[in-house]
Amino acid sequence: MAPKLIFVTGNADKLRETRATIGDALTIEAHALDLPEYQGDPLEIASKKCREAYAEIQAPVIVEDTSLCFNAFGGLPGPYIKWFLHNLKPVGLCKMISAFEDKSAYAQCIFAYFDGATMDEPVLFDGRCPGTIVPPTVTSKFGWDPIFKPEGYDVTYAEMDTVEKRKQDLGRTLQNLNRFLNL
């Protein structure tokens, strides 16, 4: 039987993508918690969320925090992308950057793992994928996927085959987590 790991998320799409990427190496059990929305550096935010999740669950946990960072904005919206997306939708995000020549961006996916017993600090797995912000290519796809075109591709995340998408930031980050857990 595969080892079990508690993934603290209420986001069904994140859970689905994480399970698909990890495969059968782990049994991923989702646990939804209403964690505080911390402010600051994305790595610090992921670490704080992980410690908070462990404090509430009292078992080894992973948390995931995804950012979409516009280089023209010095990395914003970054970890606040959820709120920008909720209020502006993908079209509004494109309008926000339309006045800037620099449309470059990067997707950042951070997983944090903490077992509370053998470690003093959460272990962070930081994956980044450079790309460009483009007008939405499709509607009704996951999050900001319709406006992010990864470097080296002619399609956005939303248009990308799911296997190919998993090779990007999320997939590489989870591969590092798998190696850390010796899976």
C-alpha atoms as a PDB file:
ATOM      1  CA  MET A   1       0.000   0.000   0.000  1.00  0.00           C
ATOM      2  CA  ALA A   2       1.304   3.459  -0.919  1.00  0.00           C
ATOM      3  CA  PRO A   3       2.201   5.819   1.938  1.00  0.00           C
ATOM      4  CA  LYS A   4      -0.463   8.385   2.805  1.00  0.00           C
ATOM      5  CA  LEU A   5       0.106  12.115   2.786  1.00  0.00           C
ATOM      6  CA  ILE A   6      -2.349  14.822   3.779  1.00  0.00           C
ATOM      7  CA  PHE A   7      -2.618  17.557   1.170  1.00  0.00           C
ATOM      8  CA  VAL A   8      -4.205  20.636   2.675  1.00  0.00           C
ATOM      9  CA  THR A   9      -6.384  22.075  -0.070  1.00  0.00           C
ATOM     10  CA  GLY A  10     -10.004  22.766  -0.783  1.00  0.00           C
ATOM     11  CA  ASN A  11      -9.285  23.248  -4.480  1.00  0.00           C
ATOM     12  CA  ALA A  12     -10.506  20.220  -6.442  1.00  0.00           C
ATOM     13  CA  ASP A  13      -8.469  21.177  -9.533  1.00  0.00           C
ATOM     14  CA  LYS A  14      -5.205  21.368  -7.532  1.00  0.00           C
ATOM     15  CA  LEU A  15      -6.006  18.027  -5.919  1.00  0.00           C
ATOM     16  CA  ARG A  16      -6.736  16.404  -9.284  1.00  0.00           C
ATOM     17  CA  GLU A  17      -3.530  17.754 -10.868  1.00  0.00           C
ATOM     18  CA  THR A  18      -1.421  16.761  -7.870  1.00  0.00           C
ATOM     19  CA  ARG A  19      -2.820  13.232  -7.759  1.00  0.00           C
ATOM     20  CA  ALA A  20      -2.322  12.836 -11.515  1.00  0.00           C
ATOM     21  CA  THR A  21       1.270  14.038 -11.297  1.00  0.00           C
ATOM     22  CA  ILE A  22       2.284  11.949  -8.283  1.00  0.00           C
ATOM     23  CA  GLY A  23       0.534   8.849  -9.572  1.00  0.00           C
ATOM     24  CA  ASP A  24       0.417   5.774  -7.360  1.00  0.00           C
ATOM     25  CA  ALA A  25       3.565   6.629  -5.378  1.00  0.00           C
ATOM     26  CA  LEU A  26       1.479   8.230  -2.632  1.00  0.00           C
ATOM     27  CA  THR A  27      -2.078   8.104  -1.438  1.00  0.00           C
ATOM     28  CA  ILE A  28      -3.093  11.751  -1.339  1.00  0.00           C
ATOM     29  CA  GLU A  29      -5.773  12.533   1.210  1.00  0.00           C
ATOM     30  CA  ALA A  30      -7.252  16.013   0.843  1.00  0.00           C
ATOM     31  CA  HIS A  31      -8.073  18.032   3.906  1.00  0.00           C
ATOM     32  CA  ALA A  32      -9.686  21.428   3.457  1.00  0.00           C
ATOM     33  CA  LEU A  33      -8.708  24.044   6.016  1.00  0.00           C
ATOM     34  CA  ASP A  34      -9.464  27.734   6.068  1.00  0.00           C
ATOM     35  CA  LEU A  35      -5.863  28.913   6.494  1.00  0.00           C
ATOM     36  CA  PRO A  36      -4.971  32.575   6.916  1.00  0.00           C
ATOM     37  CA  GLU A  37      -4.036  34.473   3.760  1.00  0.00           C
ATOM     38  CA  TYR A  38      -0.547  35.573   4.690  1.00  0.00           C
ATOM     39  CA  GLN A  39       1.229  38.441   2.982  1.00  0.00           C
ATOM     40  CA  GLY A  40       4.868  38.592   1.975  1.00  0.00           C
ATOM     41  CA  ASP A  41       7.374  36.580   0.010  1.00  0.00           C
ATOM     42  CA  PRO A  42       5.879  33.471  -1.662  1.00  0.00           C
ATOM     43  CA  LEU A  43       8.347  31.130   0.083  1.00  0.00           C
ATOM     44  CA  GLU A  44       7.567  32.642   3.497  1.00  0.00           C
ATOM     45  CA  ILE A  45       3.829  32.379   2.804  1.00  0.00           C
ATOM     46  CA  ALA A  46       4.093  28.669   1.910  1.00  0.00           C
ATOM     47  CA  SER A  47       6.172  27.967   5.023  1.00  0.00           C
ATOM     48  CA  LYS A  48       3.704  29.767   7.330  1.00  0.00           C
ATOM     49  CA  LYS A  49       0.723  28.005   5.741  1.00  0.00           C
ATOM     50  CA  CYS A  50       2.407  24.631   6.195  1.00  0.00           C
ATOM     51  CA  ARG A  51       3.182  25.250   9.880  1.00  0.00           C
ATOM     52  CA  GLU A  52      -0.389  26.428  10.456  1.00  0.00           C
ATOM     53  CA  ALA A  53      -1.808  23.349   8.698  1.00  0.00           C
ATOM     54  CA  TYR A  54       0.372  21.046  10.790  1.00  0.00           C
ATOM     55  CA  ALA A  55      -0.692  22.844  13.992  1.00  0.00           C
ATOM     56  CA  GLU A  56      -4.348  22.203  13.162  1.00  0.00           C
ATOM     57  CA  ILE A  57      -4.046  18.629  11.854  1.00  0.00           C
ATOM     58  CA  GLN A  58      -1.131  17.333  13.987  1.00  0.00           C
ATOM     59  CA  ALA A  59       0.069  15.044  11.190  1.00  0.00           C
ATOM     60  CA  PRO A  60       2.567  15.359   8.320  1.00  0.00           C
ATOM     61  CA  VAL A  61       1.156  17.704   5.690  1.00  0.00           C
ATOM     62  CA  ILE A  62       1.865  19.297   2.362  1.00  0.00           C
ATOM     63  CA  VAL A  63       0.462  22.606   1.235  1.00  0.00           C
ATOM     64  CA  GLU A  64       0.751  24.202  -2.175  1.00  0.00           C
ATOM     65  CA  ASP A  65       0.842  27.843  -3.081  1.00  0.00           C
ATOM     66  CA  THR A  66       0.815  29.004  -6.682  1.00  0.00           C
ATOM     67  CA  SER A  67       1.742  32.459  -7.901  1.00  0.00           C
ATOM     68  CA  LEU A  68       1.506  34.175 -11.256  1.00  0.00           C
ATOM     69  CA  CYS A  69       4.150  36.876 -11.365  1.00  0.00           C
ATOM     70  CA  PHE A  70       4.261  39.680 -13.946  1.00  0.00           C
ATOM     71  CA  ASN A  71       7.818  40.917 -14.430  1.00  0.00           C
ATOM     72  CA  ALA A  72       6.575  44.405 -15.384  1.00  0.00           C
ATOM     73  CA  PHE A  73       4.942  44.602 -11.932  1.00  0.00           C
ATOM     74  CA  GLY A  74       7.997  43.409  -9.994  1.00  0.00           C
ATOM     75  CA  GLY A  75       6.447  39.984  -9.429  1.00  0.00           C
ATOM     76  CA  LEU A  76       2.875  41.022  -8.616  1.00  0.00           C
ATOM     77  CA  PRO A  77       0.190  39.779  -8.422  1.00  0.00           C
ATOM     78  CA  GLY A  78       2.338  36.835  -7.284  1.00  0.00           C
ATOM     79  CA  PRO A  79       0.827  35.004  -4.305  1.00  0.00           C
ATOM     80  CA  TYR A  80      -2.235  37.286  -4.472  1.00  0.00           C
ATOM     81  CA  ILE A  81      -3.260  35.942  -7.888  1.00  0.00           C
ATOM     82  CA  LYS A  82      -6.298  34.190  -6.416  1.00  0.00           C
ATOM     83  CA  TRP A  83      -7.853  37.534  -5.429  1.00  0.00           C
ATOM     84  CA  PHE A  84      -6.846  39.321  -8.623  1.00  0.00           C
ATOM     85  CA  LEU A  85      -8.313  36.474 -10.689  1.00  0.00           C
ATOM     86  CA  HIS A  86     -11.498  36.362  -8.624  1.00  0.00           C
ATOM     87  CA  ASN A  87     -12.118  40.091  -9.116  1.00  0.00           C
ATOM     88  CA  LEU A  88     -10.706  40.718 -12.601  1.00  0.00           C
ATOM     89  CA  LYS A  89     -10.996  37.340 -14.361  1.00  0.00           C
ATOM     90  CA  PRO A  90      -8.359  36.411 -16.992  1.00  0.00           C
ATOM     91  CA  VAL A  91      -9.484  39.214 -19.331  1.00  0.00           C
ATOM     92  CA  GLY A  92      -8.954  41.826 -16.610  1.00  0.00           C
ATOM     93  CA  LEU A  93      -5.468  40.487 -15.852  1.00  0.00           C
ATOM     94  CA  CYS A  94      -4.562  40.970 -19.526  1.00  0.00           C
ATOM     95  CA  LYS A  95      -5.975  44.492 -19.493  1.00  0.00           C
ATOM     96  CA  MET A  96      -3.922  45.233 -16.393  1.00  0.00           C
ATOM     97  CA  ILE A  97      -0.668  44.531 -18.204  1.00  0.00           C
ATOM     98  CA  SER A  98      -1.708  45.823 -21.631  1.00  0.00           C
ATOM     99  CA  ALA A  99      -0.044  49.241 -21.154  1.00  0.00           C
ATOM    100  CA  PHE A 100       3.341  47.600 -20.537  1.00  0.00           C
ATOM    101  CA  GLU A 101       5.725  46.453 -23.260  1.00  0.00           C
ATOM    102  CA  ASP A 102       7.009  43.678 -21.029  1.00  0.00           C
ATOM    103  CA  LYS A 103       4.400  40.894 -21.001  1.00  0.00           C
ATOM    104  CA  SER A 104       6.824  38.336 -19.537  1.00  0.00           C
ATOM    105  CA  ALA A 105       5.784  36.462 -16.434  1.00  0.00           C
ATOM    106  CA  TYR A 106       6.481  33.302 -14.513  1.00  0.00           C
ATOM    107  CA  ALA A 107       4.320  30.727 -12.867  1.00  0.00           C
ATOM    108  CA  GLN A 108       5.628  29.749  -9.446  1.00  0.00           C
ATOM    109  CA  CYS A 109       4.488  26.594  -7.708  1.00  0.00           C
ATOM    110  CA  ILE A 110       5.668  26.019  -4.138  1.00  0.00           C
ATOM    111  CA  PHE A 111       4.971  22.866  -2.180  1.00  0.00           C
ATOM    112  CA  ALA A 112       5.820  22.837   1.519  1.00  0.00           C
ATOM    113  CA  TYR A 113       6.137  19.659   3.581  1.00  0.00           C
ATOM    114  CA  PHE A 114       6.286  19.482   7.365  1.00  0.00           C
ATOM    115  CA  ASP A 115       6.107  16.457   9.629  1.00  0.00           C
ATOM    116  CA  GLY A 116       6.472  18.275  12.955  1.00  0.00           C
ATOM    117  CA  ALA A 117       8.609  15.477  14.394  1.00  0.00           C
ATOM    118  CA  THR A 118      11.882  15.179  12.498  1.00  0.00           C
ATOM    119  CA  MET A 119      12.220  18.747  11.216  1.00  0.00           C
ATOM    120  CA  ASP A 120      12.308  22.253  12.665  1.00  0.00           C
ATOM    121  CA  GLU A 121      11.172  24.026   9.508  1.00  0.00           C
ATOM    122  CA  PRO A 122       9.022  23.024   6.538  1.00  0.00           C
ATOM    123  CA  VAL A 123      10.909  21.847   3.480  1.00  0.00           C
ATOM    124  CA  LEU A 124      10.067  23.962   0.439  1.00  0.00           C
ATOM    125  CA  PHE A 125       9.964  22.824  -3.183  1.00  0.00           C
ATOM    126  CA  ASP A 126       9.956  25.845  -5.501  1.00  0.00           C
ATOM    127  CA  GLY A 127       9.225  25.404  -9.198  1.00  0.00           C
ATOM    128  CA  ARG A 128       9.140  28.204 -11.739  1.00  0.00           C
ATOM    129  CA  CYS A 129       8.121  28.293 -15.356  1.00  0.00           C
ATOM    130  CA  PRO A 130       8.884  31.408 -17.418  1.00  0.00           C
ATOM    131  CA  GLY A 131       6.341  32.536 -19.967  1.00  0.00           C
ATOM    132  CA  THR A 132       4.244  35.344 -21.374  1.00  0.00           C
ATOM    133  CA  ILE A 133       0.827  36.807 -20.590  1.00  0.00           C
ATOM    134  CA  VAL A 134      -1.419  36.601 -23.661  1.00  0.00           C
ATOM    135  CA  PRO A 135      -5.096  37.373 -24.317  1.00  0.00           C
ATOM    136  CA  PRO A 136      -7.321  34.490 -23.161  1.00  0.00           C
ATOM    137  CA  THR A 137      -7.319  31.667 -25.678  1.00  0.00           C
ATOM    138  CA  VAL A 138     -10.268  29.744 -24.279  1.00  0.00           C
ATOM    139  CA  THR A 139     -12.918  30.230 -21.636  1.00  0.00           C
ATOM    140  CA  SER A 140     -13.933  28.036 -18.719  1.00  0.00           C
ATOM    141  CA  LYS A 141     -10.525  26.502 -18.016  1.00  0.00           C
ATOM    142  CA  PHE A 142      -8.700  26.278 -14.684  1.00  0.00           C
ATOM    143  CA  GLY A 143      -7.689  29.621 -13.156  1.00  0.00           C
ATOM    144  CA  TRP A 144      -5.294  31.728 -15.187  1.00  0.00           C
ATOM    145  CA  ASP A 145      -4.280  28.886 -17.525  1.00  0.00           C
ATOM    146  CA  PRO A 146      -5.949  30.588 -20.559  1.00  0.00           C
ATOM    147  CA  ILE A 147      -3.591  33.617 -20.367  1.00  0.00           C
ATOM    148  CA  PHE A 148      -0.222  32.008 -19.529  1.00  0.00           C
ATOM    149  CA  LYS A 149       1.906  30.753 -22.422  1.00  0.00           C
ATOM    150  CA  PRO A 150       5.023  28.956 -21.143  1.00  0.00           C
ATOM    151  CA  GLU A 151       8.354  29.746 -22.761  1.00  0.00           C
ATOM    152  CA  GLY A 152       9.088  27.500 -25.724  1.00  0.00           C
ATOM    153  CA  TYR A 153       5.425  26.766 -26.471  1.00  0.00           C
ATOM    154  CA  ASP A 154       2.929  28.202 -28.949  1.00  0.00           C
ATOM    155  CA  VAL A 155      -0.027  27.377 -26.693  1.00  0.00           C
ATOM    156  CA  THR A 156      -1.223  28.403 -23.240  1.00  0.00           C
ATOM    157  CA  TYR A 157      -1.515  26.088 -20.255  1.00  0.00           C
ATOM    158  CA  ALA A 158      -5.247  25.850 -21.031  1.00  0.00           C
ATOM    159  CA  GLU A 159      -4.575  24.555 -24.550  1.00  0.00           C
ATOM    160  CA  MET A 160      -1.759  22.248 -23.492  1.00  0.00           C
ATOM    161  CA  ASP A 161      -2.176  18.504 -23.181  1.00  0.00           C
ATOM    162  CA  THR A 162      -2.386  17.664 -19.457  1.00  0.00           C
ATOM    163  CA  VAL A 163       0.620  15.331 -19.679  1.00  0.00           C
ATOM    164  CA  GLU A 164       2.702  18.121 -21.218  1.00  0.00           C
ATOM    165  CA  LYS A 165       1.460  20.633 -18.647  1.00  0.00           C
ATOM    166  CA  ARG A 166       2.548  18.330 -15.827  1.00  0.00           C
ATOM    167  CA  LYS A 167       6.107  18.594 -17.128  1.00  0.00           C
ATOM    168  CA  GLN A 168       6.068  22.293 -16.275  1.00  0.00           C
ATOM    169  CA  ASP A 169       6.386  23.920 -12.825  1.00  0.00           C
ATOM    170  CA  LEU A 170       3.926  21.676 -10.971  1.00  0.00           C
ATOM    171  CA  GLY A 171       5.343  18.455 -12.359  1.00  0.00           C
ATOM    172  CA  ARG A 172       8.995  19.331 -11.708  1.00  0.00           C
ATOM    173  CA  THR A 173       8.190  20.527  -8.209  1.00  0.00           C
ATOM    174  CA  LEU A 174       6.292  17.334  -7.381  1.00  0.00           C
ATOM    175  CA  GLN A 175       9.137  15.211  -8.756  1.00  0.00           C
ATOM    176  CA  ASN A 176      11.454  16.916  -6.256  1.00  0.00           C
ATOM    177  CA  LEU A 177       8.936  16.260  -3.469  1.00  0.00           C
ATOM    178  CA  ASN A 178       8.763  12.579  -4.508  1.00  0.00           C
ATOM    179  CA  ARG A 179      12.570  12.305  -4.355  1.00  0.00           C
ATOM    180  CA  PHE A 180      12.596  13.947  -0.897  1.00  0.00           C
ATOM    181  CA  LEU A 181      10.017  11.446   0.355  1.00  0.00           C
ATOM    182  CA  ASN A 182      12.006   8.615  -1.294  1.00  0.00           C
ATOM    183  CA  LEU A 183       9.119   7.537  -3.520  1.00  0.00           C
END
